[in-house]
């Protein structure tokens, strides 16, 4: 139950600010930088990648 709640909150944060959601889950790793670059290219690709990275 707690894991599902944490994932739900992570996904909400990832929708609002994608790099922050990925950073909270993975830290300052390659996932964060990929998400940051995708978000700079367009907000929607950043959201898609963030949700994918969090749920995989």
PDB file of N, CA and C in Angstrom:
ATOM      1  N   UNK A   1       0.823  -1.192   0.000  1.00  0.00           N
ATOM      2  CA  UNK A   1       0.000   0.000   0.000  1.00  0.00           C
ATOM      3  C   UNK A   1       0.868   1.256   0.000  1.00  0.00           C
ATOM      4  N   UNK A   2       1.880   1.296   0.833  1.00  0.00           N
ATOM      5  CA  UNK A   2       2.730   2.474   0.901  1.00  0.00           C
ATOM      6  C   UNK A   2       3.524   2.661  -0.390  1.00  0.00           C
ATOM      7  N   UNK A   3       3.915   1.551  -1.018  1.00  0.00           N
ATOM      8  CA  UNK A   3       4.655   1.652  -2.271  1.00  0.00           C
ATOM      9  C   UNK A   3       3.784   2.224  -3.381  1.00  0.00           C
ATOM     10  N   UNK A   4       2.513   1.821  -3.427  1.00  0.00           N
ATOM     11  CA  UNK A   4       1.593   2.360  -4.426  1.00  0.00           C
ATOM     12  C   UNK A   4       1.345   3.843  -4.208  1.00  0.00           C
ATOM     13  N   UNK A   5       1.253   4.265  -2.962  1.00  0.00           N
ATOM     14  CA  UNK A   5       1.054   5.675  -2.660  1.00  0.00           C
ATOM     15  C   UNK A   5       2.270   6.492  -3.062  1.00  0.00           C
ATOM     16  N   UNK A   6       3.455   5.971  -2.787  1.00  0.00           N
ATOM     17  CA  UNK A   6       4.677   6.672  -3.167  1.00  0.00           C
ATOM     18  C   UNK A   6       4.782   6.789  -4.685  1.00  0.00           C
ATOM     19  N   UNK A   7       4.434   5.728  -5.398  1.00  0.00           N
ATOM     20  CA  UNK A   7       4.472   5.777  -6.860  1.00  0.00           C
ATOM     21  C   UNK A   7       3.461   6.782  -7.386  1.00  0.00           C
ATOM     22  N   UNK A   8       2.283   6.828  -6.809  1.00  0.00           N
ATOM     23  CA  UNK A   8       1.262   7.786  -7.227  1.00  0.00           C
ATOM     24  C   UNK A   8       1.742   9.216  -7.019  1.00  0.00           C
ATOM     25  N   UNK A   9       2.348   9.498  -5.890  1.00  0.00           N
ATOM     26  CA  UNK A   9       2.861  10.842  -5.612  1.00  0.00           C
ATOM     27  C   UNK A   9       4.005  11.176  -6.555  1.00  0.00           C
ATOM     28  N   UNK A  10       4.883  10.215  -6.825  1.00  0.00           N
ATOM     29  CA  UNK A  10       5.976  10.435  -7.777  1.00  0.00           C
ATOM     30  C   UNK A  10       5.436  10.760  -9.163  1.00  0.00           C
ATOM     31  N   UNK A  11       4.397  10.076  -9.592  1.00  0.00           N
ATOM     32  CA  UNK A  11       3.819  10.332 -10.912  1.00  0.00           C
ATOM     33  C   UNK A  11       3.173  11.717 -10.947  1.00  0.00           C
ATOM     34  N   UNK A  12       2.498  12.110  -9.888  1.00  0.00           N
ATOM     35  CA  UNK A  12       1.921  13.457  -9.843  1.00  0.00           C
ATOM     36  C   UNK A  12       2.994  14.533  -9.931  1.00  0.00           C
ATOM     37  N   UNK A  13       4.075  14.354  -9.205  1.00  0.00           N
ATOM     38  CA  UNK A  13       5.181  15.312  -9.262  1.00  0.00           C
ATOM     39  C   UNK A  13       5.796  15.312 -10.654  1.00  0.00           C
ATOM     40  N   UNK A  14       5.897  14.137 -11.281  1.00  0.00           N
ATOM     41  CA  UNK A  14       6.471  14.040 -12.617  1.00  0.00           C
ATOM     42  C   UNK A  14       5.595  14.735 -13.651  1.00  0.00           C
ATOM     43  N   UNK A  15       4.299  14.757 -13.458  1.00  0.00           N
ATOM     44  CA  UNK A  15       3.420  15.454 -14.391  1.00  0.00           C
ATOM     45  C   UNK A  15       3.549  16.963 -14.225  1.00  0.00           C
ATOM     46  N   UNK A  16       3.684  17.414 -13.008  1.00  0.00           N
ATOM     47  CA  UNK A  16       3.806  18.853 -12.754  1.00  0.00           C
ATOM     48  C   UNK A  16       5.187  19.368 -13.175  1.00  0.00           C
ATOM     49  N   UNK A  17       6.240  18.685 -12.755  1.00  0.00           N
ATOM     50  CA  UNK A  17       7.613  19.082 -13.077  1.00  0.00           C
ATOM     51  C   UNK A  17       8.432  17.811 -13.303  1.00  0.00           C
ATOM     52  N   UNK A  18       8.513  17.358 -14.553  1.00  0.00           N
ATOM     53  CA  UNK A  18       9.107  16.051 -14.840  1.00  0.00           C
ATOM     54  C   UNK A  18      10.516  15.814 -14.281  1.00  0.00           C
ATOM     55  N   UNK A  19      11.462  16.743 -14.433  1.00  0.00           N
ATOM     56  CA  UNK A  19      12.804  16.449 -13.897  1.00  0.00           C
ATOM     57  C   UNK A  19      12.819  16.268 -12.374  1.00  0.00           C
ATOM     58  N   UNK A  20      11.963  16.986 -11.671  1.00  0.00           N
ATOM     59  CA  UNK A  20      11.909  16.843 -10.214  1.00  0.00           C
ATOM     60  C   UNK A  20      11.413  15.460  -9.820  1.00  0.00           C
ATOM     61  N   UNK A  21      10.403  14.969 -10.508  1.00  0.00           N
ATOM     62  CA  UNK A  21       9.903  13.628 -10.212  1.00  0.00           C
ATOM     63  C   UNK A  21      10.946  12.551 -10.419  1.00  0.00           C
ATOM     64  N   UNK A  22      11.710  12.678 -11.498  1.00  0.00           N
ATOM     65  CA  UNK A  22      12.773  11.705 -11.772  1.00  0.00           C
ATOM     66  C   UNK A  22      13.909  11.870 -10.768  1.00  0.00           C
ATOM     67  N   UNK A  23      14.232  13.103 -10.414  1.00  0.00           N
ATOM     68  CA  UNK A  23      15.299  13.346  -9.444  1.00  0.00           C
ATOM     69  C   UNK A  23      14.952  12.754  -8.086  1.00  0.00           C
ATOM     70  N   UNK A  24      13.706  12.881  -7.659  1.00  0.00           N
ATOM     71  CA  UNK A  24      13.310  12.330  -6.364  1.00  0.00           C
ATOM     72  C   UNK A  24      13.400  10.810  -6.345  1.00  0.00           C
ATOM     73  N   UNK A  25      13.212  10.175  -7.491  1.00  0.00           N
ATOM     74  CA  UNK A  25      13.257   8.714  -7.551  1.00  0.00           C
ATOM     75  C   UNK A  25      14.681   8.191  -7.755  1.00  0.00           C
ATOM     76  N   UNK A  26      15.465   8.810  -8.667  1.00  0.00           N
ATOM     77  CA  UNK A  26      16.765   8.258  -9.063  1.00  0.00           C
ATOM     78  C   UNK A  26      17.962   9.095  -8.633  1.00  0.00           C
ATOM     79  N   UNK A  27      17.752  10.306  -8.189  1.00  0.00           N
ATOM     80  CA  UNK A  27      18.876  11.175  -7.873  1.00  0.00           C
ATOM     81  C   UNK A  27      19.393  11.831  -9.148  1.00  0.00           C
ATOM     82  N   UNK A  28      20.629  12.247  -9.115  1.00  0.00           N
ATOM     83  CA  UNK A  28      21.209  12.981 -10.238  1.00  0.00           C
ATOM     84  C   UNK A  28      21.923  12.030 -11.193  1.00  0.00           C
ATOM     85  N   UNK A  29      21.215  11.014 -11.638  1.00  0.00           N
ATOM     86  CA  UNK A  29      21.775  10.028 -12.547  1.00  0.00           C
ATOM     87  C   UNK A  29      21.431  10.341 -13.988  1.00  0.00           C
ATOM     88  N   UNK A  30      21.685   9.378 -14.855  1.00  0.00           N
ATOM     89  CA  UNK A  30      21.445   9.562 -16.283  1.00  0.00           C
ATOM     90  C   UNK A  30      19.962   9.765 -16.576  1.00  0.00           C
ATOM     91  N   UNK A  31      19.082   9.137 -15.792  1.00  0.00           N
ATOM     92  CA  UNK A  31      17.650   9.315 -16.004  1.00  0.00           C
ATOM     93  C   UNK A  31      17.235  10.772 -15.829  1.00  0.00           C
ATOM     94  N   UNK A  32      17.818  11.425 -14.823  1.00  0.00           N
ATOM     95  CA  UNK A  32      17.504  12.835 -14.581  1.00  0.00           C
ATOM     96  C   UNK A  32      17.917  13.702 -15.761  1.00  0.00           C
ATOM     97  N   UNK A  33      19.119  13.490 -16.280  1.00  0.00           N
ATOM     98  CA  UNK A  33      19.622  14.320 -17.371  1.00  0.00           C
ATOM     99  C   UNK A  33      18.841  14.092 -18.648  1.00  0.00           C
ATOM    100  N   UNK A  34      18.458  12.845 -18.924  1.00  0.00           N
ATOM    101  CA  UNK A  34      17.630  12.561 -20.097  1.00  0.00           C
ATOM    102  C   UNK A  34      16.293  13.279 -19.968  1.00  0.00           C
ATOM    103  N   UNK A  35      15.699  13.209 -18.789  1.00  0.00           N
ATOM    104  CA  UNK A  35      14.414  13.859 -18.565  1.00  0.00           C
ATOM    105  C   UNK A  35      14.538  15.378 -18.678  1.00  0.00           C
ATOM    106  N   UNK A  36      15.604  15.932 -18.167  1.00  0.00           N
ATOM    107  CA  UNK A  36      15.809  17.379 -18.245  1.00  0.00           C
ATOM    108  C   UNK A  36      15.938  17.833 -19.695  1.00  0.00           C
ATOM    109  N   UNK A  37      16.711  17.123 -20.486  1.00  0.00           N
ATOM    110  CA  UNK A  37      16.884  17.482 -21.897  1.00  0.00           C
ATOM    111  C   UNK A  37      15.566  17.344 -22.658  1.00  0.00           C
ATOM    112  N   UNK A  38      14.839  16.254 -22.415  1.00  0.00           N
ATOM    113  CA  UNK A  38      13.546  16.083 -23.079  1.00  0.00           C
ATOM    114  C   UNK A  38      12.557  17.165 -22.672  1.00  0.00           C
ATOM    115  N   UNK A  39      12.595  17.577 -21.417  1.00  0.00           N
ATOM    116  CA  UNK A  39      11.693  18.635 -20.956  1.00  0.00           C
ATOM    117  C   UNK A  39      12.066  19.973 -21.592  1.00  0.00           C
ATOM    118  N   UNK A  40      13.344  20.208 -21.799  1.00  0.00           N
ATOM    119  CA  UNK A  40      13.756  21.445 -22.465  1.00  0.00           C
ATOM    120  C   UNK A  40      13.330  21.459 -23.934  1.00  0.00           C
ATOM    121  N   UNK A  41      13.329  20.295 -24.576  1.00  0.00           N
ATOM    122  CA  UNK A  41      12.869  20.209 -25.962  1.00  0.00           C
ATOM    123  C   UNK A  41      11.357  20.353 -26.061  1.00  0.00           C
ATOM    124  N   UNK A  42      10.663  19.899 -25.059  1.00  0.00           N
ATOM    125  CA  UNK A  42       9.207  19.992 -25.049  1.00  0.00           C
ATOM    126  C   UNK A  42       8.688  19.400 -23.757  1.00  0.00           C
ATOM    127  N   UNK A  43       7.675  20.012 -23.222  1.00  0.00           N
ATOM    128  CA  UNK A  43       7.158  19.593 -21.918  1.00  0.00           C
ATOM    129  C   UNK A  43       6.569  18.191 -21.965  1.00  0.00           C
ATOM    130  N   UNK A  44       5.846  17.871 -23.034  1.00  0.00           N
ATOM    131  CA  UNK A  44       5.174  16.576 -23.138  1.00  0.00           C
ATOM    132  C   UNK A  44       6.173  15.412 -23.226  1.00  0.00           C
ATOM    133  N   UNK A  45       7.235  15.499 -24.046  1.00  0.00           N
ATOM    134  CA  UNK A  45       8.211  14.395 -24.032  1.00  0.00           C
ATOM    135  C   UNK A  45       8.846  14.178 -22.657  1.00  0.00           C
ATOM    136  N   UNK A  46       9.057  15.258 -21.914  1.00  0.00           N
ATOM    137  CA  UNK A  46       9.589  15.135 -20.563  1.00  0.00           C
ATOM    138  C   UNK A  46       8.641  14.404 -19.640  1.00  0.00           C
ATOM    139  N   UNK A  47       7.351  14.699 -19.752  1.00  0.00           N
ATOM    140  CA  UNK A  47       6.345  14.016 -18.935  1.00  0.00           C
ATOM    141  C   UNK A  47       6.288  12.536 -19.288  1.00  0.00           C
ATOM    142  N   UNK A  48       6.270  12.236 -20.577  1.00  0.00           N
ATOM    143  CA  UNK A  48       6.187  10.842 -21.019  1.00  0.00           C
ATOM    144  C   UNK A  48       7.375  10.046 -20.507  1.00  0.00           C
ATOM    145  N   UNK A  49       8.576  10.597 -20.648  1.00  0.00           N
ATOM    146  CA  UNK A  49       9.756   9.880 -20.177  1.00  0.00           C
ATOM    147  C   UNK A  49       9.758   9.744 -18.657  1.00  0.00           C
ATOM    148  N   UNK A  50       9.355  10.792 -17.953  1.00  0.00           N
ATOM    149  CA  UNK A  50       9.354  10.733 -16.491  1.00  0.00           C
ATOM    150  C   UNK A  50       8.406   9.661 -15.982  1.00  0.00           C
ATOM    151  N   UNK A  51       7.208   9.609 -16.542  1.00  0.00           N
ATOM    152  CA  UNK A  51       6.251   8.600 -16.105  1.00  0.00           C
ATOM    153  C   UNK A  51       6.767   7.204 -16.449  1.00  0.00           C
ATOM    154  N   UNK A  52       7.365   7.065 -17.639  1.00  0.00           N
ATOM    155  CA  UNK A  52       7.931   5.761 -18.026  1.00  0.00           C
ATOM    156  C   UNK A  52       9.059   5.361 -17.077  1.00  0.00           C
ATOM    157  N   UNK A  53       9.970   6.281 -16.770  1.00  0.00           N
ATOM    158  CA  UNK A  53      11.111   5.960 -15.917  1.00  0.00           C
ATOM    159  C   UNK A  53      10.658   5.594 -14.503  1.00  0.00           C
ATOM    160  N   UNK A  54       9.652   6.252 -14.007  1.00  0.00           N
ATOM    161  CA  UNK A  54       9.174   5.989 -12.649  1.00  0.00           C
ATOM    162  C   UNK A  54       8.445   4.644 -12.574  1.00  0.00           C
ATOM    163  N   UNK A  55       7.678   4.314 -13.604  1.00  0.00           N
ATOM    164  CA  UNK A  55       6.867   3.100 -13.534  1.00  0.00           C
ATOM    165  C   UNK A  55       7.561   1.853 -14.055  1.00  0.00           C
ATOM    166  N   UNK A  56       8.714   1.984 -14.694  1.00  0.00           N
ATOM    167  CA  UNK A  56       9.363   0.775 -15.237  1.00  0.00           C
ATOM    168  C   UNK A  56       9.964  -0.101 -14.182  1.00  0.00           C
TER     169      UNK A  56
END
